[in-house]
C-alpha atoms as a PDB file:
ATOM      1  CA  MET A   1     -50.888  27.510  29.400  1.00  0.00           C
ATOM      2  CA  ARG A   2     -52.695  25.436  31.889  1.00  0.00           C
ATOM      3  CA  MET A   3     -50.869  22.501  33.839  1.00  0.00           C
ATOM      4  CA  LYS A   4     -51.800  19.338  34.555  1.00  0.00           C
ATOM      5  CA  MET A   5     -51.184  17.674  37.915  1.00  0.00           C
ATOM      6  CA  ILE A   6     -50.588  14.029  37.658  1.00  0.00           C
ATOM      7  CA  ARG A   7     -51.670  12.163  40.891  1.00  0.00           C
ATOM      8  CA  PRO A   8     -49.235  10.387  42.623  1.00  0.00           C
ATOM      9  CA  GLY A   9     -51.219   7.669  43.129  1.00  0.00           C
ATOM     10  CA  LEU A  10     -51.251   7.353  39.418  1.00  0.00           C
ATOM     11  CA  VAL A  11     -47.008   7.851  39.294  1.00  0.00           C
ATOM     12  CA  LEU A  12     -46.768   5.087  41.921  1.00  0.00           C
ATOM     13  CA  LEU A  13     -49.087   2.358  39.405  1.00  0.00           C
ATOM     14  CA  ALA A  14     -46.451   3.523  36.750  1.00  0.00           C
ATOM     15  CA  VAL A  15     -43.304   2.635  38.454  1.00  0.00           C
ATOM     16  CA  ALA A  16     -44.749  -0.547  40.191  1.00  0.00           C
ATOM     17  CA  LEU A  17     -46.333  -2.005  36.635  1.00  0.00           C
ATOM     18  CA  ALA A  18     -42.761  -0.688  34.906  1.00  0.00           C
ATOM     19  CA  THR A  19     -41.034  -2.731  37.669  1.00  0.00           C
ATOM     20  CA  ALA A  20     -43.383  -5.879  37.011  1.00  0.00           C
ATOM     21  CA  LEU A  21     -42.852  -5.853  33.371  1.00  0.00           C
ATOM     22  CA  SER A  22     -38.622  -5.357  33.933  1.00  0.00           C
ATOM     23  CA  PHE A  23     -39.092  -8.440  36.165  1.00  0.00           C
ATOM     24  CA  GLY A  24     -41.038 -10.487  33.659  1.00  0.00           C
ATOM     25  CA  GLN A  25     -38.517 -10.171  31.434  1.00  0.00           C
ATOM     26  CA  ALA A  26     -35.866 -10.757  33.337  1.00  0.00           C
ATOM     27  CA  SER A  27     -37.307 -14.169  34.914  1.00  0.00           C
ATOM     28  CA  LYS A  28     -37.319 -15.365  30.817  1.00  0.00           C
ATOM     29  CA  ALA A  29     -33.616 -14.930  30.218  1.00  0.00           C
ATOM     30  CA  PRO A  30     -32.002 -17.879  29.905  1.00  0.00           C
ATOM     31  CA  GLN A  31     -30.600 -19.828  32.842  1.00  0.00           C
ATOM     32  CA  ALA A  32     -27.103 -21.212  33.422  1.00  0.00           C
ATOM     33  CA  ALA A  33     -27.947 -24.882  33.806  1.00  0.00           C
ATOM     34  CA  LYS A  34     -27.862 -26.144  37.470  1.00  0.00           C
ATOM     35  CA  PRO A  35     -25.459 -28.661  38.629  1.00  0.00           C
ATOM     36  CA  ALA A  36     -27.167 -32.118  39.097  1.00  0.00           C
ATOM     37  CA  HIS A  37     -26.899 -33.783  42.455  1.00  0.00           C
ATOM     38  CA  SER A  38     -24.544 -36.924  42.873  1.00  0.00           C
ATOM     39  CA  ILE A  39     -24.878 -40.441  44.087  1.00  0.00           C
ATOM     40  CA  VAL A  40     -22.206 -42.860  44.925  1.00  0.00           C
ATOM     41  CA  ALA A  41     -22.812 -46.033  45.655  1.00  0.00           C
ATOM     42  CA  ALA A  42     -20.409 -47.783  47.945  1.00  0.00           C
ATOM     43  CA  ASP A  43     -20.331 -50.973  45.955  1.00  0.00           C
ATOM     44  CA  THR A  44     -19.053 -48.983  42.794  1.00  0.00           C
ATOM     45  CA  LEU A  45     -16.088 -47.709  44.303  1.00  0.00           C
ATOM     46  CA  LYS A  46     -12.891 -48.158  42.644  1.00  0.00           C
ATOM     47  CA  TRP A  47     -10.087 -49.172  45.322  1.00  0.00           C
ATOM     48  CA  ASN A  48      -6.256 -48.830  44.401  1.00  0.00           C
ATOM     49  CA  PRO A  49      -3.640 -50.254  46.712  1.00  0.00           C
ATOM     50  CA  ILE A  50      -1.461 -47.239  49.077  1.00  0.00           C
ATOM     51  CA  ILE A  51       0.518 -49.713  51.287  1.00  0.00           C
ATOM     52  CA  PRO A  52      -0.560 -53.429  51.853  1.00  0.00           C
ATOM     53  CA  GLY A  53      -3.472 -53.816  53.678  1.00  0.00           C
ATOM     54  CA  ALA A  54      -4.830 -50.351  52.830  1.00  0.00           C
ATOM     55  CA  ASP A  55      -6.724 -49.200  49.582  1.00  0.00           C
ATOM     56  CA  LEU A  56      -8.046 -45.815  48.219  1.00  0.00           C
ATOM     57  CA  ALA A  57     -10.671 -44.922  46.502  1.00  0.00           C
ATOM     58  CA  VAL A  58     -11.696 -41.512  44.950  1.00  0.00           C
ATOM     59  CA  VAL A  59     -16.042 -40.628  46.041  1.00  0.00           C
ATOM     60  CA  SER A  60     -16.078 -36.988  44.174  1.00  0.00           C
ATOM     61  CA  GLY A  61     -13.518 -34.575  43.068  1.00  0.00           C
ATOM     62  CA  ASP A  62     -10.328 -34.776  41.588  1.00  0.00           C
ATOM     63  CA  PRO A  63      -8.037 -35.128  44.477  1.00  0.00           C
ATOM     64  CA  ASP A  64      -4.697 -34.159  42.119  1.00  0.00           C
ATOM     65  CA  LYS A  65      -6.496 -30.941  41.104  1.00  0.00           C
ATOM     66  CA  ALA A  66      -4.766 -28.480  43.050  1.00  0.00           C
ATOM     67  CA  GLY A  67      -7.626 -25.931  44.605  1.00  0.00           C
ATOM     68  CA  GLY A  68     -10.490 -28.258  43.880  1.00  0.00           C
ATOM     69  CA  GLN A  69     -12.848 -30.286  46.706  1.00  0.00           C
ATOM     70  CA  PHE A  70     -12.410 -34.047  47.144  1.00  0.00           C
ATOM     71  CA  VAL A  71     -13.868 -36.609  49.139  1.00  0.00           C
ATOM     72  CA  LEU A  72     -11.776 -40.013  49.496  1.00  0.00           C
ATOM     73  CA  ARG A  73     -12.488 -43.092  51.228  1.00  0.00           C
ATOM     74  CA  ILE A  74      -9.689 -44.857  52.256  1.00  0.00           C
ATOM     75  CA  ARG A  75     -10.158 -49.000  53.290  1.00  0.00           C
ATOM     76  CA  ILE A  76      -7.650 -50.572  56.201  1.00  0.00           C
ATOM     77  CA  LYS A  77      -7.284 -53.751  57.149  1.00  0.00           C
ATOM     78  CA  ASN A  78      -7.365 -54.716  60.909  1.00  0.00           C
ATOM     79  CA  GLY A  79      -3.809 -54.492  62.230  1.00  0.00           C
ATOM     80  CA  THR A  80      -2.244 -52.252  59.320  1.00  0.00           C
ATOM     81  CA  LYS A  81      -0.032 -49.739  60.485  1.00  0.00           C
ATOM     82  CA  VAL A  82       0.493 -46.917  58.418  1.00  0.00           C
ATOM     83  CA  PRO A  83       4.025 -44.977  58.630  1.00  0.00           C
ATOM     84  CA  ALA A  84       4.373 -41.573  59.481  1.00  0.00           C
ATOM     85  CA  HIS A  85       3.183 -38.976  56.699  1.00  0.00           C
ATOM     86  CA  TRP A  86       2.265 -35.731  56.038  1.00  0.00           C
ATOM     87  CA  HIS A  87       0.072 -33.939  53.323  1.00  0.00           C
ATOM     88  CA  PRO A  88       0.522 -30.236  51.901  1.00  0.00           C
ATOM     89  CA  THR A  89      -3.412 -29.282  52.414  1.00  0.00           C
ATOM     90  CA  ASP A  90      -5.495 -29.559  55.851  1.00  0.00           C
ATOM     91  CA  GLU A  91      -6.950 -32.977  55.970  1.00  0.00           C
ATOM     92  CA  HIS A  92     -10.513 -33.957  57.704  1.00  0.00           C
ATOM     93  CA  VAL A  93     -10.938 -37.508  58.146  1.00  0.00           C
ATOM     94  CA  THR A  94     -14.457 -39.346  59.831  1.00  0.00           C
ATOM     95  CA  VAL A  95     -14.343 -42.727  60.826  1.00  0.00           C
ATOM     96  CA  LEU A  96     -17.348 -44.418  58.990  1.00  0.00           C
ATOM     97  CA  ARG A  97     -16.372 -48.211  60.240  1.00  0.00           C
ATOM     98  CA  GLY A  98     -14.449 -49.981  62.592  1.00  0.00           C
ATOM     99  CA  THR A  99     -11.494 -48.390  65.006  1.00  0.00           C
ATOM    100  CA  LEU A 100      -8.212 -45.966  63.937  1.00  0.00           C
ATOM    101  CA  LEU A 101      -5.939 -45.312  66.327  1.00  0.00           C
ATOM    102  CA  ILE A 102      -4.360 -41.874  65.500  1.00  0.00           C
ATOM    103  CA  GLY A 103      -0.807 -40.391  66.453  1.00  0.00           C
ATOM    104  CA  MET A 104       0.657 -37.301  65.673  1.00  0.00           C
ATOM    105  CA  GLY A 105       4.934 -37.135  65.198  1.00  0.00           C
ATOM    106  CA  GLU A 106       7.886 -37.849  63.240  1.00  0.00           C
ATOM    107  CA  LYS A 107       7.977 -41.824  63.356  1.00  0.00           C
ATOM    108  CA  TYR A 108       5.430 -44.359  64.755  1.00  0.00           C
ATOM    109  CA  ASP A 109       4.798 -44.102  68.912  1.00  0.00           C
ATOM    110  CA  GLU A 110       2.211 -46.578  70.072  1.00  0.00           C
ATOM    111  CA  LYS A 111       1.956 -44.268  73.482  1.00  0.00           C
ATOM    112  CA  ALA A 112       1.216 -41.250  71.414  1.00  0.00           C
ATOM    113  CA  LEU A 113      -1.722 -43.296  69.839  1.00  0.00           C
ATOM    114  CA  GLN A 114      -5.658 -42.041  70.185  1.00  0.00           C
ATOM    115  CA  THR A 115      -8.389 -43.911  69.348  1.00  0.00           C
ATOM    116  CA  LEU A 116     -11.219 -42.962  67.501  1.00  0.00           C
ATOM    117  CA  GLY A 117     -14.593 -44.836  66.887  1.00  0.00           C
ATOM    118  CA  THR A 118     -17.016 -44.964  63.925  1.00  0.00           C
ATOM    119  CA  GLY A 119     -18.444 -41.403  63.650  1.00  0.00           C
ATOM    120  CA  ASN A 120     -15.623 -39.697  64.829  1.00  0.00           C
ATOM    121  CA  TYR A 121     -13.772 -37.343  63.006  1.00  0.00           C
ATOM    122  CA  VAL A 122     -10.316 -35.858  63.468  1.00  0.00           C
ATOM    123  CA  SER A 123      -8.893 -32.469  61.679  1.00  0.00           C
ATOM    124  CA  ILE A 124      -5.462 -32.895  60.884  1.00  0.00           C
ATOM    125  CA  PRO A 125      -3.446 -29.289  59.719  1.00  0.00           C
ATOM    126  CA  LYS A 126      -1.140 -29.606  56.453  1.00  0.00           C
ATOM    127  CA  GLN A 127       2.422 -30.604  56.865  1.00  0.00           C
ATOM    128  CA  MET A 128       1.171 -32.078  60.417  1.00  0.00           C
ATOM    129  CA  ARG A 129       3.006 -34.838  61.021  1.00  0.00           C
ATOM    130  CA  HIS A 130       0.768 -38.422  61.715  1.00  0.00           C
ATOM    131  CA  PHE A 131       1.074 -42.168  61.276  1.00  0.00           C
ATOM    132  CA  ALA A 132      -1.925 -45.067  62.571  1.00  0.00           C
ATOM    133  CA  LEU A 133      -3.294 -48.078  63.270  1.00  0.00           C
ATOM    134  CA  ALA A 134      -6.203 -49.959  62.381  1.00  0.00           C
ATOM    135  CA  LYS A 135      -7.491 -51.814  65.087  1.00  0.00           C
ATOM    136  CA  ASP A 136     -10.574 -53.326  63.053  1.00  0.00           C
ATOM    137  CA  ASP A 137     -11.424 -53.612  59.576  1.00  0.00           C
ATOM    138  CA  THR A 138     -11.493 -49.674  59.036  1.00  0.00           C
ATOM    139  CA  ILE A 139     -12.943 -47.464  56.828  1.00  0.00           C
ATOM    140  CA  LEU A 140     -12.545 -43.423  56.778  1.00  0.00           C
ATOM    141  CA  GLN A 141     -13.780 -40.617  54.816  1.00  0.00           C
ATOM    142  CA  VAL A 142     -11.108 -37.969  54.217  1.00  0.00           C
ATOM    143  CA  HIS A 143     -12.239 -34.414  52.526  1.00  0.00           C
ATOM    144  CA  GLY A 144     -10.563 -31.266  52.077  1.00  0.00           C
ATOM    145  CA  MET A 145      -9.169 -29.382  49.158  1.00  0.00           C
ATOM    146  CA  ALA A 146      -6.687 -30.837  46.501  1.00  0.00           C
ATOM    147  CA  PRO A 147      -4.083 -31.852  45.750  1.00  0.00           C
ATOM    148  CA  PHE A 148      -3.928 -34.590  48.514  1.00  0.00           C
ATOM    149  CA  LYS A 149      -0.541 -36.110  48.215  1.00  0.00           C
ATOM    150  CA  VAL A 150       0.921 -38.626  50.892  1.00  0.00           C
ATOM    151  CA  ASN A 151       4.522 -37.574  51.909  1.00  0.00           C
ATOM    152  CA  TRP A 152       6.165 -40.476  54.008  1.00  0.00           C
ATOM    153  CA  VAL A 153       8.559 -38.899  57.020  1.00  0.00           C
ATOM    154  CA  ASN A 154      10.855 -42.196  56.250  1.00  0.00           C
ATOM    155  CA  PRO A 155      10.394 -43.782  53.164  1.00  0.00           C
ATOM    156  CA  ALA A 156      12.137 -46.682  54.458  1.00  0.00           C
ATOM    157  CA  GLU A 157       9.376 -47.619  56.875  1.00  0.00           C
ATOM    158  CA  VAL A 158       6.948 -47.982  53.950  1.00  0.00           C
ATOM    159  CA  PRO A 159       6.114 -51.415  53.111  1.00  0.00           C
ATOM    160  CA  ALA A 160       6.303 -52.343  49.560  1.00  0.00           C
ATOM    161  CA  LEU A 161       3.089 -53.494  47.472  1.00  0.00           C
ATOM    162  CA  PRO A 162       3.754 -56.600  45.869  1.00  0.00           C
ATOM    163  CA  GLY A 163       5.360 -56.452  42.465  1.00  0.00           C
ATOM    164  CA  LYS A 164       6.484 -52.843  43.460  1.00  0.00           C
ATOM    165  CA  ALA A 165       9.752 -51.075  44.900  1.00  0.00           C
ATOM    166  CA  PRO A 166       9.649 -49.259  48.178  1.00  0.00           C
ATOM    167  CA  ALA A 167       8.341 -46.285  48.201  1.00  0.00           C
ATOM    168  CA  LYS A 168      10.934 -43.191  47.418  1.00  0.00           C
ATOM    169  CA  LYS A 169      10.954 -40.039  49.351  1.00  0.00           C
END
């Protein structure tokens, strides 16, 4: 019997051809639909009051769905005080317009306020008690992982919305 010698070049060519064909077939397989980008115009936001002088609008995501990402806007009128409160998850805040004075602690303390102007950012760890004052008409963008909840430290300090009962702890 006579054995035929296979040239290494032919083996390499055969492997390359088989690999190319398998990639070609894989690329023809149906692809899962990629999520589309989304654009949100500021004038389409639906604002809901939090306390007198402060409103909230959902930009993206579901702030109530645990584990999901969210983006919110908070609009605060000049002079509005936001009483001490905390959130169950980390809060990331960027000042889009105006000036926000923010302090950390269990109760509102003007001496503890720090100034955040337009473009400034603050990261507030979960459960950290904090309070604020809007120096100008201010718009904040808040993002993080849901759930986003506002827990008032002292509900008696929270001004009631017109027609609603005061906040409860």
